[in-house]
PDB file of N, CA and C in Angstrom:
ATOM      1  N   MET A   1     130.520 150.516 133.843  1.00  0.00           N
ATOM      2  CA  MET A   1     129.248 150.905 134.401  1.00  0.00           C
ATOM      3  C   MET A   1     128.449 149.652 134.749  1.00  0.00           C
ATOM      4  N   GLU A   2     127.871 149.629 135.965  1.00  0.00           N
ATOM      5  CA  GLU A   2     127.140 148.456 136.416  1.00  0.00           C
ATOM      6  C   GLU A   2     125.742 148.407 135.843  1.00  0.00           C
ATOM      7  N   GLN A   3     125.287 147.205 135.641  1.00  0.00           N
ATOM      8  CA  GLN A   3     123.942 147.005 135.118  1.00  0.00           C
ATOM      9  C   GLN A   3     122.958 146.986 136.288  1.00  0.00           C
ATOM     10  N   GLN A   4     121.826 147.681 136.131  1.00  0.00           N
ATOM     11  CA  GLN A   4     120.817 147.713 137.193  1.00  0.00           C
ATOM     12  C   GLN A   4     119.988 146.441 137.163  1.00  0.00           C
ATOM     13  N   HIS A   5     119.651 145.952 138.348  1.00  0.00           N
ATOM     14  CA  HIS A   5     118.783 144.786 138.457  1.00  0.00           C
ATOM     15  C   HIS A   5     117.350 145.261 138.602  1.00  0.00           C
ATOM     16  N   HIS A   6     116.465 144.615 137.895  1.00  0.00           N
ATOM     17  CA  HIS A   6     115.054 144.945 137.986  1.00  0.00           C
ATOM     18  C   HIS A   6     114.338 143.856 138.770  1.00  0.00           C
ATOM     19  N   THR A   7     113.224 144.223 139.355  1.00  0.00           N
ATOM     20  CA  THR A   7     112.450 143.273 140.139  1.00  0.00           C
ATOM     21  C   THR A   7     111.847 142.209 139.233  1.00  0.00           C
ATOM     22  N   ASN A   8     112.051 140.969 139.602  1.00  0.00           N
ATOM     23  CA  ASN A   8     111.470 139.856 138.871  1.00  0.00           C
ATOM     24  C   ASN A   8     110.046 139.658 139.396  1.00  0.00           C
ATOM     25  N   ARG A   9     109.063 140.050 138.607  1.00  0.00           N
ATOM     26  CA  ARG A   9     107.676 140.041 139.060  1.00  0.00           C
ATOM     27  C   ARG A   9     107.150 138.638 139.329  1.00  0.00           C
ATOM     28  N   ARG A  10     107.637 137.660 138.588  1.00  0.00           N
ATOM     29  CA  ARG A  10     107.174 136.289 138.787  1.00  0.00           C
ATOM     30  C   ARG A  10     107.556 135.793 140.177  1.00  0.00           C
ATOM     31  N   PHE A  11     108.801 136.035 140.587  1.00  0.00           N
ATOM     32  CA  PHE A  11     109.234 135.641 141.921  1.00  0.00           C
ATOM     33  C   PHE A  11     108.546 136.476 142.997  1.00  0.00           C
ATOM     34  N   LEU A  12     108.302 137.743 142.705  1.00  0.00           N
ATOM     35  CA  LEU A  12     107.633 138.607 143.662  1.00  0.00           C
ATOM     36  C   LEU A  12     106.224 138.096 143.959  1.00  0.00           C
ATOM     37  N   VAL A  13     105.479 137.742 142.924  1.00  0.00           N
ATOM     38  CA  VAL A  13     104.118 137.227 143.111  1.00  0.00           C
ATOM     39  C   VAL A  13     104.156 135.886 143.839  1.00  0.00           C
ATOM     40  N   LYS A  14     105.121 135.048 143.509  1.00  0.00           N
ATOM     41  CA  LYS A  14     105.251 133.746 144.163  1.00  0.00           C
ATOM     42  C   LYS A  14     105.541 133.924 145.659  1.00  0.00           C
ATOM     43  N   GLY A  15     106.421 134.860 145.998  1.00  0.00           N
ATOM     44  CA  GLY A  15     106.736 135.129 147.401  1.00  0.00           C
ATOM     45  C   GLY A  15     105.551 135.674 148.158  1.00  0.00           C
ATOM     46  N   ILE A  16     104.784 136.540 147.522  1.00  0.00           N
ATOM     47  CA  ILE A  16     103.591 137.090 148.173  1.00  0.00           C
ATOM     48  C   ILE A  16     102.546 135.996 148.387  1.00  0.00           C
ATOM     49  N   LYS A  17     102.444 135.055 147.463  1.00  0.00           N
ATOM     50  CA  LYS A  17     101.509 133.932 147.639  1.00  0.00           C
ATOM     51  C   LYS A  17     101.926 133.074 148.825  1.00  0.00           C
ATOM     52  N   TYR A  18     103.225 132.806 148.964  1.00  0.00           N
ATOM     53  CA  TYR A  18     103.701 132.052 150.118  1.00  0.00           C
ATOM     54  C   TYR A  18     103.314 132.764 151.417  1.00  0.00           C
ATOM     55  N   LEU A  19     103.530 134.068 151.455  1.00  0.00           N
ATOM     56  CA  LEU A  19     103.230 134.818 152.668  1.00  0.00           C
ATOM     57  C   LEU A  19     101.724 134.921 152.915  1.00  0.00           C
ATOM     58  N   ALA A  20     100.922 134.919 151.853  1.00  0.00           N
ATOM     59  CA  ALA A  20      99.470 134.958 152.012  1.00  0.00           C
ATOM     60  C   ALA A  20      98.947 133.656 152.613  1.00  0.00           C
ATOM     61  N   VAL A  21      99.577 132.546 152.294  1.00  0.00           N
ATOM     62  CA  VAL A  21      99.182 131.263 152.889  1.00  0.00           C
ATOM     63  C   VAL A  21      99.711 131.173 154.321  1.00  0.00           C
ATOM     64  N   THR A  22     100.849 131.766 154.583  1.00  0.00           N
ATOM     65  CA  THR A  22     101.471 131.713 155.903  1.00  0.00           C
ATOM     66  C   THR A  22     100.650 132.437 156.955  1.00  0.00           C
ATOM     67  N   LEU A  23     100.093 133.579 156.618  1.00  0.00           N
ATOM     68  CA  LEU A  23      99.401 134.413 157.599  1.00  0.00           C
ATOM     69  C   LEU A  23      98.259 133.685 158.303  1.00  0.00           C
ATOM     70  N   PRO A  24      97.336 133.029 157.595  1.00  0.00           N
ATOM     71  CA  PRO A  24      96.287 132.311 158.332  1.00  0.00           C
ATOM     72  C   PRO A  24      96.829 131.140 159.163  1.00  0.00           C
ATOM     73  N   LEU A  25      97.860 130.462 158.642  1.00  0.00           N
ATOM     74  CA  LEU A  25      98.427 129.340 159.390  1.00  0.00           C
ATOM     75  C   LEU A  25      99.089 129.795 160.680  1.00  0.00           C
ATOM     76  N   MET A  26      99.659 130.999 160.678  1.00  0.00           N
ATOM     77  CA  MET A  26     100.300 131.532 161.884  1.00  0.00           C
ATOM     78  C   MET A  26      99.298 131.706 163.020  1.00  0.00           C
ATOM     79  N   PHE A  27      98.054 132.002 162.679  1.00  0.00           N
ATOM     80  CA  PHE A  27      97.037 132.192 163.701  1.00  0.00           C
ATOM     81  C   PHE A  27      96.269 130.902 163.995  1.00  0.00           C
ATOM     82  N   MET A  28      96.011 130.097 162.980  1.00  0.00           N
ATOM     83  CA  MET A  28      95.219 128.885 163.184  1.00  0.00           C
ATOM     84  C   MET A  28      95.987 127.811 163.942  1.00  0.00           C
ATOM     85  N   GLY A  29      97.284 127.686 163.719  1.00  0.00           N
ATOM     86  CA  GLY A  29      98.077 126.662 164.392  1.00  0.00           C
ATOM     87  C   GLY A  29      98.020 126.760 165.909  1.00  0.00           C
ATOM     88  N   PRO A  30      98.367 127.912 166.497  1.00  0.00           N
ATOM     89  CA  PRO A  30      98.285 128.026 167.962  1.00  0.00           C
ATOM     90  C   PRO A  30      96.868 127.882 168.507  1.00  0.00           C
ATOM     91  N   VAL A  31      95.867 128.311 167.753  1.00  0.00           N
ATOM     92  CA  VAL A  31      94.481 128.152 168.207  1.00  0.00           C
ATOM     93  C   VAL A  31      94.117 126.674 168.269  1.00  0.00           C
ATOM     94  N   VAL A  32      94.526 125.907 167.269  1.00  0.00           N
ATOM     95  CA  VAL A  32      94.244 124.467 167.252  1.00  0.00           C
ATOM     96  C   VAL A  32      95.005 123.766 168.377  1.00  0.00           C
ATOM     97  N   ILE A  33      96.249 124.151 168.620  1.00  0.00           N
ATOM     98  CA  ILE A  33      97.016 123.556 169.723  1.00  0.00           C
ATOM     99  C   ILE A  33      96.360 123.876 171.063  1.00  0.00           C
ATOM    100  N   ASN A  34      95.935 125.112 171.236  1.00  0.00           N
ATOM    101  CA  ASN A  34      95.256 125.508 172.468  1.00  0.00           C
ATOM    102  C   ASN A  34      93.959 124.724 172.653  1.00  0.00           C
ATOM    103  N   SER A  35      93.231 124.522 171.574  1.00  0.00           N
ATOM    104  CA  SER A  35      91.997 123.742 171.640  1.00  0.00           C
ATOM    105  C   SER A  35      92.282 122.298 172.048  1.00  0.00           C
ATOM    106  N   ALA A  36      93.366 121.740 171.549  1.00  0.00           N
ATOM    107  CA  ALA A  36      93.735 120.374 171.923  1.00  0.00           C
ATOM    108  C   ALA A  36      94.096 120.296 173.406  1.00  0.00           C
ATOM    109  N   PHE A  37      94.834 121.286 173.908  1.00  0.00           N
ATOM    110  CA  PHE A  37      95.224 121.265 175.315  1.00  0.00           C
ATOM    111  C   PHE A  37      94.043 121.459 176.254  1.00  0.00           C
ATOM    112  N   LYS A  38      92.979 122.083 175.779  1.00  0.00           N
ATOM    113  CA  LYS A  38      91.787 122.274 176.615  1.00  0.00           C
ATOM    114  C   LYS A  38      90.974 120.988 176.743  1.00  0.00           C
ATOM    115  N   ASN A  39      91.149 120.036 175.827  1.00  0.00           N
ATOM    116  CA  ASN A  39      90.384 118.789 175.830  1.00  0.00           C
ATOM    117  C   ASN A  39      91.315 117.575 175.803  1.00  0.00           C
ATOM    118  N   PRO A  40      92.112 117.351 176.851  1.00  0.00           N
ATOM    119  CA  PRO A  40      93.070 116.241 176.800  1.00  0.00           C
ATOM    120  C   PRO A  40      92.427 114.852 176.865  1.00  0.00           C
ATOM    121  N   ASN A  41      91.187 114.757 177.303  1.00  0.00           N
ATOM    122  CA  ASN A  41      90.533 113.454 177.418  1.00  0.00           C
ATOM    123  C   ASN A  41      89.733 113.080 176.180  1.00  0.00           C
ATOM    124  N   HIS A  42      89.720 113.942 175.193  1.00  0.00           N
ATOM    125  CA  HIS A  42      88.967 113.671 173.966  1.00  0.00           C
ATOM    126  C   HIS A  42      89.690 112.599 173.155  1.00  0.00           C
ATOM    127  N   PRO A  43      88.928 111.720 172.459  1.00  0.00           N
ATOM    128  CA  PRO A  43      89.597 110.650 171.695  1.00  0.00           C
ATOM    129  C   PRO A  43      90.468 111.160 170.540  1.00  0.00           C
ATOM    130  N   LEU A  44      90.190 112.330 170.029  1.00  0.00           N
ATOM    131  CA  LEU A  44      90.983 112.875 168.920  1.00  0.00           C
ATOM    132  C   LEU A  44      92.057 113.854 169.392  1.00  0.00           C
ATOM    133  N   TYR A  45      92.420 113.791 170.662  1.00  0.00           N
ATOM    134  CA  TYR A  45      93.390 114.724 171.242  1.00  0.00           C
ATOM    135  C   TYR A  45      94.711 114.734 170.471  1.00  0.00           C
ATOM    136  N   TYR A  46      95.269 113.563 170.250  1.00  0.00           N
ATOM    137  CA  TYR A  46      96.581 113.489 169.591  1.00  0.00           C
ATOM    138  C   TYR A  46      96.504 113.926 168.126  1.00  0.00           C
ATOM    139  N   PHE A  47      95.405 113.620 167.474  1.00  0.00           N
ATOM    140  CA  PHE A  47      95.236 114.050 166.088  1.00  0.00           C
ATOM    141  C   PHE A  47      95.172 115.570 165.987  1.00  0.00           C
ATOM    142  N   VAL A  48      94.369 116.196 166.865  1.00  0.00           N
ATOM    143  CA  VAL A  48      94.227 117.658 166.839  1.00  0.00           C
ATOM    144  C   VAL A  48      95.529 118.334 167.235  1.00  0.00           C
ATOM    145  N   LEU A  49      96.216 117.782 168.227  1.00  0.00           N
ATOM    146  CA  LEU A  49      97.512 118.341 168.632  1.00  0.00           C
ATOM    147  C   LEU A  49      98.527 118.230 167.498  1.00  0.00           C
ATOM    148  N   GLY A  50      98.573 117.081 166.848  1.00  0.00           N
ATOM    149  CA  GLY A  50      99.479 116.898 165.714  1.00  0.00           C
ATOM    150  C   GLY A  50      99.147 117.829 164.567  1.00  0.00           C
ATOM    151  N   LEU A  51      97.854 118.029 164.322  1.00  0.00           N
ATOM    152  CA  LEU A  51      97.435 118.952 163.268  1.00  0.00           C
ATOM    153  C   LEU A  51      97.891 120.373 163.579  1.00  0.00           C
ATOM    154  N   GLY A  52      97.750 120.803 164.823  1.00  0.00           N
ATOM    155  CA  GLY A  52      98.193 122.145 165.216  1.00  0.00           C
ATOM    156  C   GLY A  52      99.695 122.317 165.085  1.00  0.00           C
ATOM    157  N   ILE A  53     100.453 121.310 165.495  1.00  0.00           N
ATOM    158  CA  ILE A  53     101.912 121.373 165.377  1.00  0.00           C
ATOM    159  C   ILE A  53     102.319 121.395 163.906  1.00  0.00           C
ATOM    160  N   PHE A  54     101.632 120.578 163.097  1.00  0.00           N
ATOM    161  CA  PHE A  54     101.908 120.571 161.656  1.00  0.00           C
ATOM    162  C   PHE A  54     101.636 121.944 161.035  1.00  0.00           C
ATOM    163  N   MET A  55     100.547 122.582 161.449  1.00  0.00           N
ATOM    164  CA  MET A  55     100.221 123.914 160.917  1.00  0.00           C
ATOM    165  C   MET A  55     101.288 124.942 161.301  1.00  0.00           C
ATOM    166  N   CYS A  56     101.774 124.878 162.536  1.00  0.00           N
ATOM    167  CA  CYS A  56     102.806 125.826 162.975  1.00  0.00           C
ATOM    168  C   CYS A  56     104.112 125.623 162.227  1.00  0.00           C
ATOM    169  N   ILE A  57     104.513 124.369 162.069  1.00  0.00           N
ATOM    170  CA  ILE A  57     105.764 124.086 161.354  1.00  0.00           C
ATOM    171  C   ILE A  57     105.644 124.487 159.890  1.00  0.00           C
ATOM    172  N   THR A  58     104.485 124.202 159.291  1.00  0.00           N
ATOM    173  CA  THR A  58     104.262 124.587 157.891  1.00  0.00           C
ATOM    174  C   THR A  58     104.310 126.098 157.725  1.00  0.00           C
ATOM    175  N   SER A  59     103.729 126.831 158.687  1.00  0.00           N
ATOM    176  CA  SER A  59     103.762 128.291 158.573  1.00  0.00           C
ATOM    177  C   SER A  59     105.183 128.832 158.672  1.00  0.00           C
ATOM    178  N   MET A  60     106.005 128.229 159.522  1.00  0.00           N
ATOM    179  CA  MET A  60     107.402 128.675 159.628  1.00  0.00           C
ATOM    180  C   MET A  60     108.172 128.407 158.336  1.00  0.00           C
ATOM    181  N   ILE A  61     107.959 127.232 157.753  1.00  0.00           N
ATOM    182  CA  ILE A  61     108.651 126.890 156.508  1.00  0.00           C
ATOM    183  C   ILE A  61     108.203 127.801 155.372  1.00  0.00           C
ATOM    184  N   LEU A  62     106.890 128.021 155.255  1.00  0.00           N
ATOM    185  CA  LEU A  62     106.381 128.880 154.182  1.00  0.00           C
ATOM    186  C   LEU A  62     106.812 130.331 154.375  1.00  0.00           C
ATOM    187  N   PHE A  63     106.906 130.787 155.633  1.00  0.00           N
ATOM    188  CA  PHE A  63     107.375 132.148 155.894  1.00  0.00           C
ATOM    189  C   PHE A  63     108.817 132.301 155.425  1.00  0.00           C
ATOM    190  N   PHE A  64     109.661 131.324 155.753  1.00  0.00           N
ATOM    191  CA  PHE A  64     111.054 131.367 155.325  1.00  0.00           C
ATOM    192  C   PHE A  64     111.155 131.357 153.804  1.00  0.00           C
ATOM    193  N   LYS A  65     110.410 130.448 153.146  1.00  0.00           N
ATOM    194  CA  LYS A  65     110.447 130.374 151.680  1.00  0.00           C
ATOM    195  C   LYS A  65     109.903 131.655 151.048  1.00  0.00           C
ATOM    196  N   GLY A  66     108.873 132.246 151.645  1.00  0.00           N
ATOM    197  CA  GLY A  66     108.309 133.482 151.112  1.00  0.00           C
ATOM    198  C   GLY A  66     109.295 134.636 151.181  1.00  0.00           C
ATOM    199  N   ILE A  67     109.938 134.799 152.325  1.00  0.00           N
ATOM    200  CA  ILE A  67     110.937 135.873 152.472  1.00  0.00           C
ATOM    201  C   ILE A  67     112.117 135.618 151.541  1.00  0.00           C
ATOM    202  N   GLN A  68     112.542 134.372 151.445  1.00  0.00           N
ATOM    203  CA  GLN A  68     113.653 134.024 150.546  1.00  0.00           C
ATOM    204  C   GLN A  68     113.296 134.331 149.096  1.00  0.00           C
ATOM    205  N   THR A  69     112.085 134.027 148.689  1.00  0.00           N
ATOM    206  CA  THR A  69     111.653 134.291 147.317  1.00  0.00           C
ATOM    207  C   THR A  69     111.528 135.783 147.061  1.00  0.00           C
ATOM    208  N   LEU A  70     111.035 136.534 148.041  1.00  0.00           N
ATOM    209  CA  LEU A  70     110.981 137.990 147.884  1.00  0.00           C
ATOM    210  C   LEU A  70     112.360 138.588 147.730  1.00  0.00           C
ATOM    211  N   MET A  71     113.305 138.132 148.519  1.00  0.00           N
ATOM    212  CA  MET A  71     114.676 138.647 148.403  1.00  0.00           C
ATOM    213  C   MET A  71     115.277 138.296 147.050  1.00  0.00           C
ATOM    214  N   LYS A  72     114.972 137.092 146.556  1.00  0.00           N
ATOM    215  CA  LYS A  72     115.471 136.699 145.242  1.00  0.00           C
ATOM    216  C   LYS A  72     114.877 137.592 144.153  1.00  0.00           C
ATOM    217  N   SER A  73     113.599 137.964 144.311  1.00  0.00           N
ATOM    218  CA  SER A  73     112.973 138.804 143.283  1.00  0.00           C
ATOM    219  C   SER A  73     113.511 140.227 143.317  1.00  0.00           C
ATOM    220  N   LEU A  74     113.855 140.709 144.488  1.00  0.00           N
ATOM    221  CA  LEU A  74     114.305 142.095 144.619  1.00  0.00           C
ATOM    222  C   LEU A  74     115.794 142.269 144.280  1.00  0.00           C
ATOM    223  N   PHE A  75     116.606 141.311 144.681  1.00  0.00           N
ATOM    224  CA  PHE A  75     118.053 141.484 144.551  1.00  0.00           C
ATOM    225  C   PHE A  75     118.709 140.545 143.546  1.00  0.00           C
ATOM    226  N   GLY A  76     117.923 139.829 142.782  1.00  0.00           N
ATOM    227  CA  GLY A  76     118.488 138.975 141.750  1.00  0.00           C
ATOM    228  C   GLY A  76     118.918 137.636 142.314  1.00  0.00           C
ATOM    229  N   LYS A  77     119.758 136.952 141.558  1.00  0.00           N
ATOM    230  CA  LYS A  77     120.177 135.609 141.945  1.00  0.00           C
ATOM    231  C   LYS A  77     121.200 135.734 143.000  1.00  0.00           C
TER     232      LYS A  77
END
């Protein structure tokens, strides 16, 4: 008889936290990039563009880690 796996609540909460941080970054990153493209002659253009790209990449990484952690909590190791 197989043993049932139970949800690991610690990993579940950790995955939800990752996804909670990801959601605002998913929206703020493209807005910051768009703002940078609207002002190409501004002295902080490259800084703002880099910040927007960093936010988008961070949101993708955190989304992947969040989904991975949720799957680990639901289906075990």
